[in-house]
Amino acid sequence: MEYWNAGRTELEATVRKSNLAIYATIKYELTLDEITPFLGGGLGVNMYKKKYPEEWTQPDESKNKLELHIDMGTRYKLHPKIDIEGRFKVNFSDVSAYGLHISGLFKVGE
Protein backbone atom coordinates (compact mmCIF):
# COMPACT_ATOMS: atom_id res chain seq x y z
CA MET A 1 0.00 0.00 0.00
CA GLU A 2 1.23 3.48 -0.83
CA TYR A 3 -0.18 6.87 0.23
CA TRP A 4 0.80 10.49 -0.24
CA ASN A 5 -0.92 13.81 0.40
CA ALA A 6 0.27 17.27 -0.64
CA GLY A 7 -0.93 20.85 -0.86
CA ARG A 8 0.15 23.61 -3.21
CA THR A 9 -0.71 27.30 -3.07
CA GLU A 10 -2.18 28.62 -6.31
CA LEU A 11 -3.65 32.12 -6.60
CA GLU A 12 -3.55 32.59 -2.79
CA ALA A 13 -5.50 29.36 -2.12
CA THR A 14 -4.40 25.79 -1.41
CA VAL A 15 -5.09 22.94 -3.81
CA ARG A 16 -4.89 19.51 -2.10
CA LYS A 17 -3.85 16.30 -3.86
CA SER A 18 -3.86 12.78 -2.44
CA ASN A 19 -3.19 9.32 -3.76
CA LEU A 20 -3.89 5.89 -2.27
CA ALA A 21 -2.68 2.79 -4.10
CA ILE A 22 -3.15 -0.84 -3.14
CA TYR A 23 -1.01 -3.39 -5.01
CA ALA A 24 -0.53 -7.14 -5.17
CA THR A 25 2.95 -8.20 -6.30
CA ILE A 26 4.42 -11.58 -7.22
CA LYS A 27 8.21 -11.81 -6.79
CA TYR A 28 10.87 -14.24 -7.93
CA GLU A 29 13.70 -14.27 -5.37
CA LEU A 30 17.23 -15.63 -5.72
CA THR A 31 18.54 -16.30 -2.21
CA LEU A 32 22.30 -15.89 -1.83
CA ASP A 33 24.22 -15.72 1.48
CA GLU A 34 23.06 -12.45 3.04
CA ILE A 35 21.41 -10.78 0.05
CA THR A 36 18.27 -11.75 -1.82
CA PRO A 37 17.79 -10.02 -5.17
CA PHE A 38 14.27 -10.14 -6.62
CA LEU A 39 12.23 -9.28 -9.67
CA GLY A 40 8.47 -9.10 -9.67
CA GLY A 41 5.35 -7.54 -11.03
CA GLY A 42 1.73 -7.12 -10.21
CA LEU A 43 -1.57 -5.35 -10.42
CA GLY A 44 -3.06 -2.64 -8.26
CA VAL A 45 -5.75 -0.02 -7.88
CA ASN A 46 -4.72 3.65 -7.79
CA MET A 47 -7.16 6.18 -6.26
CA TYR A 48 -6.26 9.82 -6.96
CA LYS A 49 -8.06 12.93 -5.68
CA LYS A 50 -7.54 16.64 -6.27
CA LYS A 51 -9.54 19.06 -4.13
CA TYR A 52 -9.92 22.72 -5.02
CA PRO A 53 -10.77 25.52 -2.56
CA GLU A 54 -14.50 26.05 -1.97
CA GLU A 55 -14.44 29.56 -3.44
CA TRP A 56 -13.25 28.20 -6.80
CA THR A 57 -15.85 27.15 -9.37
CA GLN A 58 -13.74 24.26 -10.62
CA PRO A 59 -15.09 20.84 -9.49
CA ASP A 60 -12.90 18.43 -7.55
CA GLU A 61 -11.20 15.65 -9.52
CA SER A 62 -11.22 11.97 -8.69
CA LYS A 63 -9.74 9.05 -10.69
CA ASN A 64 -9.55 5.33 -9.97
CA LYS A 65 -7.59 3.08 -12.30
CA LEU A 66 -6.01 -0.36 -12.51
CA GLU A 67 -2.25 -0.34 -12.88
CA LEU A 68 0.34 -2.92 -13.85
CA HIS A 69 3.79 -2.50 -12.33
CA ILE A 70 7.25 -4.04 -12.26
CA ASP A 71 9.22 -4.25 -9.04
CA MET A 72 12.92 -5.07 -8.60
CA GLY A 73 15.48 -4.81 -5.84
CA THR A 74 17.35 -6.64 -3.14
CA ARG A 75 16.97 -7.55 0.52
CA TYR A 76 19.96 -7.61 2.90
CA LYS A 77 19.99 -9.63 6.13
CA LEU A 78 21.19 -7.40 8.98
CA HIS A 79 20.20 -9.73 11.81
CA PRO A 80 18.26 -13.03 11.97
CA LYS A 81 15.10 -10.98 12.68
CA ILE A 82 15.81 -7.78 10.69
CA ASP A 83 16.26 -7.23 6.94
CA ILE A 84 16.73 -4.04 4.90
CA GLU A 85 15.15 -3.90 1.46
CA GLY A 86 15.84 -1.50 -1.40
CA ARG A 87 13.54 -1.64 -4.41
CA PHE A 88 12.60 0.25 -7.54
CA LYS A 89 8.97 0.16 -8.77
CA VAL A 90 7.59 1.47 -12.08
CA ASN A 91 3.89 1.72 -13.02
CA PHE A 92 3.19 0.94 -16.67
CA SER A 93 0.14 3.23 -16.81
CA ASP A 94 2.35 6.24 -15.99
CA VAL A 95 6.09 5.63 -16.30
CA SER A 96 6.73 9.00 -14.65
CA ALA A 97 5.21 7.45 -11.49
CA TYR A 98 8.20 5.46 -10.30
CA GLY A 99 9.61 5.08 -6.84
CA LEU A 100 12.76 4.11 -5.02
CA HIS A 101 11.81 2.53 -1.69
CA ILE A 102 14.00 1.59 1.28
CA SER A 103 12.33 -0.49 3.99
CA GLY A 104 13.12 -2.21 7.26
CA LEU A 105 11.56 -5.67 7.61
CA PHE A 106 11.09 -7.06 11.12
CA LYS A 107 10.46 -10.81 11.46
CA VAL A 108 8.39 -11.15 14.62
CA GLY A 109 6.88 -14.62 14.16
CA GLU A 110 10.07 -16.62 13.59
C-alpha atoms as a PDB file:
ATOM      1  CA  MET A   1       0.000   0.000   0.000  1.00  0.00           C
ATOM      2  CA  GLU A   2       1.232   3.484  -0.825  1.00  0.00           C
ATOM      3  CA  TYR A   3      -0.182   6.867   0.234  1.00  0.00           C
ATOM      4  CA  TRP A   4       0.801  10.485  -0.243  1.00  0.00           C
ATOM      5  CA  ASN A   5      -0.917  13.809   0.396  1.00  0.00           C
ATOM      6  CA  ALA A   6       0.268  17.269  -0.643  1.00  0.00           C
ATOM      7  CA  GLY A   7      -0.934  20.848  -0.859  1.00  0.00           C
ATOM      8  CA  ARG A   8       0.149  23.607  -3.208  1.00  0.00           C
ATOM      9  CA  THR A   9      -0.705  27.298  -3.073  1.00  0.00           C
ATOM     10  CA  GLU A  10      -2.177  28.620  -6.313  1.00  0.00           C
ATOM     11  CA  LEU A  11      -3.654  32.122  -6.596  1.00  0.00           C
ATOM     12  CA  GLU A  12      -3.545  32.594  -2.792  1.00  0.00           C
ATOM     13  CA  ALA A  13      -5.497  29.361  -2.119  1.00  0.00           C
ATOM     14  CA  THR A  14      -4.400  25.787  -1.406  1.00  0.00           C
ATOM     15  CA  VAL A  15      -5.093  22.942  -3.813  1.00  0.00           C
ATOM     16  CA  ARG A  16      -4.895  19.515  -2.103  1.00  0.00           C
ATOM     17  CA  LYS A  17      -3.847  16.300  -3.859  1.00  0.00           C
ATOM     18  CA  SER A  18      -3.858  12.784  -2.441  1.00  0.00           C
ATOM     19  CA  ASN A  19      -3.193   9.317  -3.758  1.00  0.00           C
ATOM     20  CA  LEU A  20      -3.891   5.887  -2.269  1.00  0.00           C
ATOM     21  CA  ALA A  21      -2.679   2.795  -4.098  1.00  0.00           C
ATOM     22  CA  ILE A  22      -3.150  -0.842  -3.136  1.00  0.00           C
ATOM     23  CA  TYR A  23      -1.007  -3.386  -5.012  1.00  0.00           C
ATOM     24  CA  ALA A  24      -0.534  -7.137  -5.171  1.00  0.00           C
ATOM     25  CA  THR A  25       2.949  -8.200  -6.299  1.00  0.00           C
ATOM     26  CA  ILE A  26       4.419 -11.581  -7.218  1.00  0.00           C
ATOM     27  CA  LYS A  27       8.212 -11.810  -6.787  1.00  0.00           C
ATOM     28  CA  TYR A  28      10.870 -14.238  -7.930  1.00  0.00           C
ATOM     29  CA  GLU A  29      13.702 -14.275  -5.368  1.00  0.00           C
ATOM     30  CA  LEU A  30      17.226 -15.634  -5.724  1.00  0.00           C
ATOM     31  CA  THR A  31      18.544 -16.299  -2.207  1.00  0.00           C
ATOM     32  CA  LEU A  32      22.300 -15.890  -1.827  1.00  0.00           C
ATOM     33  CA  ASP A  33      24.225 -15.724   1.479  1.00  0.00           C
ATOM     34  CA  GLU A  34      23.064 -12.454   3.042  1.00  0.00           C
ATOM     35  CA  ILE A  35      21.407 -10.784   0.051  1.00  0.00           C
ATOM     36  CA  THR A  36      18.268 -11.754  -1.820  1.00  0.00           C
ATOM     37  CA  PRO A  37      17.794 -10.022  -5.175  1.00  0.00           C
ATOM     38  CA  PHE A  38      14.270 -10.141  -6.622  1.00  0.00           C
ATOM     39  CA  LEU A  39      12.230  -9.283  -9.672  1.00  0.00           C
ATOM     40  CA  GLY A  40       8.466  -9.104  -9.673  1.00  0.00           C
ATOM     41  CA  GLY A  41       5.350  -7.537 -11.035  1.00  0.00           C
ATOM     42  CA  GLY A  42       1.735  -7.123 -10.207  1.00  0.00           C
ATOM     43  CA  LEU A  43      -1.567  -5.346 -10.419  1.00  0.00           C
ATOM     44  CA  GLY A  44      -3.059  -2.644  -8.255  1.00  0.00           C
ATOM     45  CA  VAL A  45      -5.750  -0.019  -7.875  1.00  0.00           C
ATOM     46  CA  ASN A  46      -4.723   3.650  -7.791  1.00  0.00           C
ATOM     47  CA  MET A  47      -7.160   6.184  -6.256  1.00  0.00           C
ATOM     48  CA  TYR A  48      -6.255   9.820  -6.961  1.00  0.00           C
ATOM     49  CA  LYS A  49      -8.064  12.933  -5.683  1.00  0.00           C
ATOM     50  CA  LYS A  50      -7.539  16.640  -6.275  1.00  0.00           C
ATOM     51  CA  LYS A  51      -9.544  19.056  -4.131  1.00  0.00           C
ATOM     52  CA  TYR A  52      -9.915  22.723  -5.023  1.00  0.00           C
ATOM     53  CA  PRO A  53     -10.766  25.521  -2.559  1.00  0.00           C
ATOM     54  CA  GLU A  54     -14.495  26.047  -1.975  1.00  0.00           C
ATOM     55  CA  GLU A  55     -14.437  29.562  -3.435  1.00  0.00           C
ATOM     56  CA  TRP A  56     -13.247  28.202  -6.804  1.00  0.00           C
ATOM     57  CA  THR A  57     -15.847  27.150  -9.365  1.00  0.00           C
ATOM     58  CA  GLN A  58     -13.740  24.258 -10.621  1.00  0.00           C
ATOM     59  CA  PRO A  59     -15.095  20.837  -9.490  1.00  0.00           C
ATOM     60  CA  ASP A  60     -12.896  18.429  -7.546  1.00  0.00           C
ATOM     61  CA  GLU A  61     -11.203  15.651  -9.520  1.00  0.00           C
ATOM     62  CA  SER A  62     -11.216  11.968  -8.691  1.00  0.00           C
ATOM     63  CA  LYS A  63      -9.740   9.050 -10.693  1.00  0.00           C
ATOM     64  CA  ASN A  64      -9.554   5.327  -9.971  1.00  0.00           C
ATOM     65  CA  LYS A  65      -7.586   3.080 -12.302  1.00  0.00           C
ATOM     66  CA  LEU A  66      -6.014  -0.358 -12.513  1.00  0.00           C
ATOM     67  CA  GLU A  67      -2.248  -0.341 -12.882  1.00  0.00           C
ATOM     68  CA  LEU A  68       0.341  -2.922 -13.853  1.00  0.00           C
ATOM     69  CA  HIS A  69       3.788  -2.502 -12.326  1.00  0.00           C
ATOM     70  CA  ILE A  70       7.249  -4.039 -12.260  1.00  0.00           C
ATOM     71  CA  ASP A  71       9.219  -4.252  -9.035  1.00  0.00           C
ATOM     72  CA  MET A  72      12.923  -5.072  -8.596  1.00  0.00           C
ATOM     73  CA  GLY A  73      15.483  -4.805  -5.835  1.00  0.00           C
ATOM     74  CA  THR A  74      17.352  -6.642  -3.135  1.00  0.00           C
ATOM     75  CA  ARG A  75      16.971  -7.549   0.521  1.00  0.00           C
ATOM     76  CA  TYR A  76      19.961  -7.611   2.899  1.00  0.00           C
ATOM     77  CA  LYS A  77      19.990  -9.627   6.126  1.00  0.00           C
ATOM     78  CA  LEU A  78      21.186  -7.396   8.984  1.00  0.00           C
ATOM     79  CA  HIS A  79      20.196  -9.726  11.806  1.00  0.00           C
ATOM     80  CA  PRO A  80      18.258 -13.029  11.970  1.00  0.00           C
ATOM     81  CA  LYS A  81      15.104 -10.983  12.683  1.00  0.00           C
ATOM     82  CA  ILE A  82      15.806  -7.779  10.685  1.00  0.00           C
ATOM     83  CA  ASP A  83      16.255  -7.226   6.937  1.00  0.00           C
ATOM     84  CA  ILE A  84      16.726  -4.043   4.902  1.00  0.00           C
ATOM     85  CA  GLU A  85      15.151  -3.896   1.458  1.00  0.00           C
ATOM     86  CA  GLY A  86      15.839  -1.500  -1.395  1.00  0.00           C
ATOM     87  CA  ARG A  87      13.540  -1.642  -4.406  1.00  0.00           C
ATOM     88  CA  PHE A  88      12.600   0.248  -7.538  1.00  0.00           C
ATOM     89  CA  LYS A  89       8.971   0.156  -8.770  1.00  0.00           C
ATOM     90  CA  VAL A  90       7.587   1.468 -12.078  1.00  0.00           C
ATOM     91  CA  ASN A  91       3.889   1.719 -13.015  1.00  0.00           C
ATOM     92  CA  PHE A  92       3.186   0.942 -16.671  1.00  0.00           C
ATOM     93  CA  SER A  93       0.138   3.228 -16.806  1.00  0.00           C
ATOM     94  CA  ASP A  94       2.346   6.244 -15.986  1.00  0.00           C
ATOM     95  CA  VAL A  95       6.091   5.626 -16.300  1.00  0.00           C
ATOM     96  CA  SER A  96       6.733   8.996 -14.648  1.00  0.00           C
ATOM     97  CA  ALA A  97       5.211   7.452 -11.489  1.00  0.00           C
ATOM     98  CA  TYR A  98       8.203   5.455 -10.303  1.00  0.00           C
ATOM     99  CA  GLY A  99       9.609   5.079  -6.841  1.00  0.00           C
ATOM    100  CA  LEU A 100      12.762   4.107  -5.018  1.00  0.00           C
ATOM    101  CA  HIS A 101      11.815   2.531  -1.685  1.00  0.00           C
ATOM    102  CA  ILE A 102      14.000   1.592   1.278  1.00  0.00           C
ATOM    103  CA  SER A 103      12.326  -0.494   3.994  1.00  0.00           C
ATOM    104  CA  GLY A 104      13.123  -2.210   7.257  1.00  0.00           C
ATOM    105  CA  LEU A 105      11.559  -5.666   7.611  1.00  0.00           C
ATOM    106  CA  PHE A 106      11.088  -7.064  11.115  1.00  0.00           C
ATOM    107  CA  LYS A 107      10.460 -10.815  11.462  1.00  0.00           C
ATOM    108  CA  VAL A 108       8.389 -11.153  14.624  1.00  0.00           C
ATOM    109  CA  GLY A 109       6.876 -14.618  14.160  1.00  0.00           C
ATOM    110  CA  GLU A 110      10.072 -16.616  13.590  1.00  0.00           C
END
